[in-house]
Amino acid sequence: MANLKGITVTLINKIETSKDPLGQPIYEDFLIEVDNVLVAPTSSDDVVNQLSLTGKKAVYTLAIPKGNTDDWEDKEVLFFNQRWRTFGIPTEGIEELIPLDWNKKVMVERYG
């Protein structure tokens, strides 16, 4: 049986670095490379459900490797030379009960 192997995805975390003269926060992008992320086209049923519930069109579903503690909720990500945005709350399973290397998934939409 062939081993499944994901790709490296860059998670963009916005870090507040200072404030402007009006007191509004200024953010910088902090890039986090996450290895072994599975990327799969979102099923047509999930696309329709998410469009109905959130108004967002899911394009891909990312499977996040076990042990990853990064925040994936409403974050920008880079893969396939494009920028994407995660949406919704990532779903997570119990690591010990899932046989493969991934226990969390999140959907992404195309982002400018």
Protein backbone atom coordinates (compact mmCIF):
# COMPACT_ATOMS: atom_id res chain seq x y z
CA MET A 1 0.00 0.00 0.00
CA ALA A 2 1.37 3.42 -0.97
CA ASN A 3 1.89 5.98 1.74
CA LEU A 4 -0.12 9.17 1.44
CA LYS A 5 1.91 12.36 1.56
CA GLY A 6 0.60 15.89 1.56
CA ILE A 7 2.14 19.12 0.33
CA THR A 8 3.63 22.07 2.18
CA VAL A 9 1.06 24.81 2.76
CA THR A 10 1.95 28.28 4.03
CA LEU A 11 -0.36 29.52 6.78
CA ILE A 12 -0.42 33.31 7.13
CA ASN A 13 -0.77 34.54 10.68
CA LYS A 14 -1.33 38.27 11.19
CA ILE A 15 0.66 39.66 14.13
CA GLU A 16 -0.03 43.13 15.55
CA THR A 17 3.28 44.98 15.42
CA SER A 18 2.32 48.55 16.31
CA LYS A 19 -0.42 51.16 16.13
CA ASP A 20 -0.91 53.98 13.65
CA PRO A 21 -1.27 57.62 14.79
CA LEU A 22 -5.03 57.09 15.23
CA GLY A 23 -4.52 54.09 17.49
CA GLN A 24 -5.52 51.48 14.92
CA PRO A 25 -3.44 48.28 14.92
CA ILE A 26 -0.87 47.65 12.20
CA TYR A 27 -0.34 44.00 11.30
CA GLU A 28 2.48 42.10 9.65
CA ASP A 29 2.22 38.70 8.01
CA PHE A 30 3.97 35.88 9.84
CA LEU A 31 4.40 32.88 7.51
CA ILE A 32 4.19 29.36 8.94
CA GLU A 33 5.06 26.45 6.66
CA VAL A 34 3.04 23.35 7.46
CA ASP A 35 4.24 20.10 5.89
CA ASN A 36 2.14 17.10 4.88
CA VAL A 37 -1.21 18.86 4.36
CA LEU A 38 -3.60 16.95 2.12
CA VAL A 39 -5.48 19.09 -0.39
CA ALA A 40 -8.63 17.65 -1.96
CA PRO A 41 -11.40 19.18 -4.04
CA THR A 42 -14.47 19.79 -1.90
CA SER A 43 -17.38 17.49 -2.69
CA SER A 44 -20.30 19.05 -4.56
CA ASP A 45 -22.63 18.34 -1.59
CA ASP A 46 -20.30 20.22 0.77
CA VAL A 47 -20.02 23.12 -1.71
CA VAL A 48 -23.81 23.47 -1.85
CA ASN A 49 -24.19 23.13 1.93
CA GLN A 50 -21.50 25.72 2.68
CA LEU A 51 -22.88 28.11 0.07
CA SER A 52 -26.33 27.84 1.68
CA LEU A 53 -25.03 28.22 5.24
CA THR A 54 -22.24 30.76 4.87
CA GLY A 55 -22.52 32.26 1.41
CA LYS A 56 -18.96 31.09 0.72
CA LYS A 57 -17.96 28.66 -2.01
CA ALA A 58 -15.64 25.96 -0.76
CA VAL A 59 -13.10 24.96 -3.39
CA TYR A 60 -10.74 22.67 -1.48
CA THR A 61 -10.71 20.86 1.83
CA LEU A 62 -7.41 20.74 3.71
CA ALA A 63 -6.53 17.83 5.97
CA ILE A 64 -4.19 19.06 8.70
CA PRO A 65 -1.60 16.68 10.17
CA LYS A 66 -1.91 15.35 13.71
CA GLY A 67 -0.06 17.37 16.31
CA ASN A 68 -0.50 20.70 14.50
CA THR A 69 -1.56 23.36 17.00
CA ASP A 70 -1.81 26.36 14.67
CA ASP A 71 -5.03 28.37 14.49
CA TRP A 72 -6.72 27.61 11.13
CA GLU A 73 -9.94 29.55 11.68
CA ASP A 74 -10.44 32.37 9.11
CA LYS A 75 -6.79 32.44 8.02
CA GLU A 76 -5.11 33.04 4.69
CA VAL A 77 -3.12 30.16 3.21
CA LEU A 78 -0.86 29.79 0.20
CA PHE A 79 -0.65 26.70 -2.01
CA PHE A 80 -0.73 25.92 -5.74
CA ASN A 81 0.79 29.41 -6.22
CA GLN A 82 -2.47 31.03 -5.13
CA ARG A 83 -3.89 32.70 -2.03
CA TRP A 84 -6.84 31.07 -0.26
CA ARG A 85 -8.83 31.78 2.90
CA THR A 86 -10.04 29.18 5.34
CA PHE A 87 -13.57 29.60 6.64
CA GLY A 88 -15.68 28.02 9.29
CA ILE A 89 -14.44 26.21 12.33
CA PRO A 90 -12.00 23.39 11.57
CA THR A 91 -13.41 19.98 12.45
CA GLU A 92 -11.16 17.77 14.52
CA GLY A 93 -11.16 14.11 15.45
CA ILE A 94 -9.49 12.30 18.33
CA GLU A 95 -5.90 11.59 17.23
CA GLU A 96 -5.72 8.14 18.80
CA LEU A 97 -8.88 6.97 17.01
CA ILE A 98 -7.88 8.05 13.52
CA PRO A 99 -5.53 5.64 11.70
CA LEU A 100 -3.81 8.01 9.26
CA ASP A 101 -1.65 11.11 9.81
CA TRP A 102 -4.42 13.73 9.71
CA ASN A 103 -7.12 14.50 12.28
CA LYS A 104 -8.35 17.98 11.39
CA LYS A 105 -9.95 19.45 8.28
CA VAL A 106 -10.91 22.91 7.12
CA MET A 107 -12.41 24.29 3.91
CA VAL A 108 -10.90 27.04 1.79
CA GLU A 109 -12.26 29.53 -0.72
CA ARG A 110 -10.36 31.45 -3.38
CA TYR A 111 -9.01 34.72 -1.98
CA GLY A 112 -7.82 37.73 -4.00
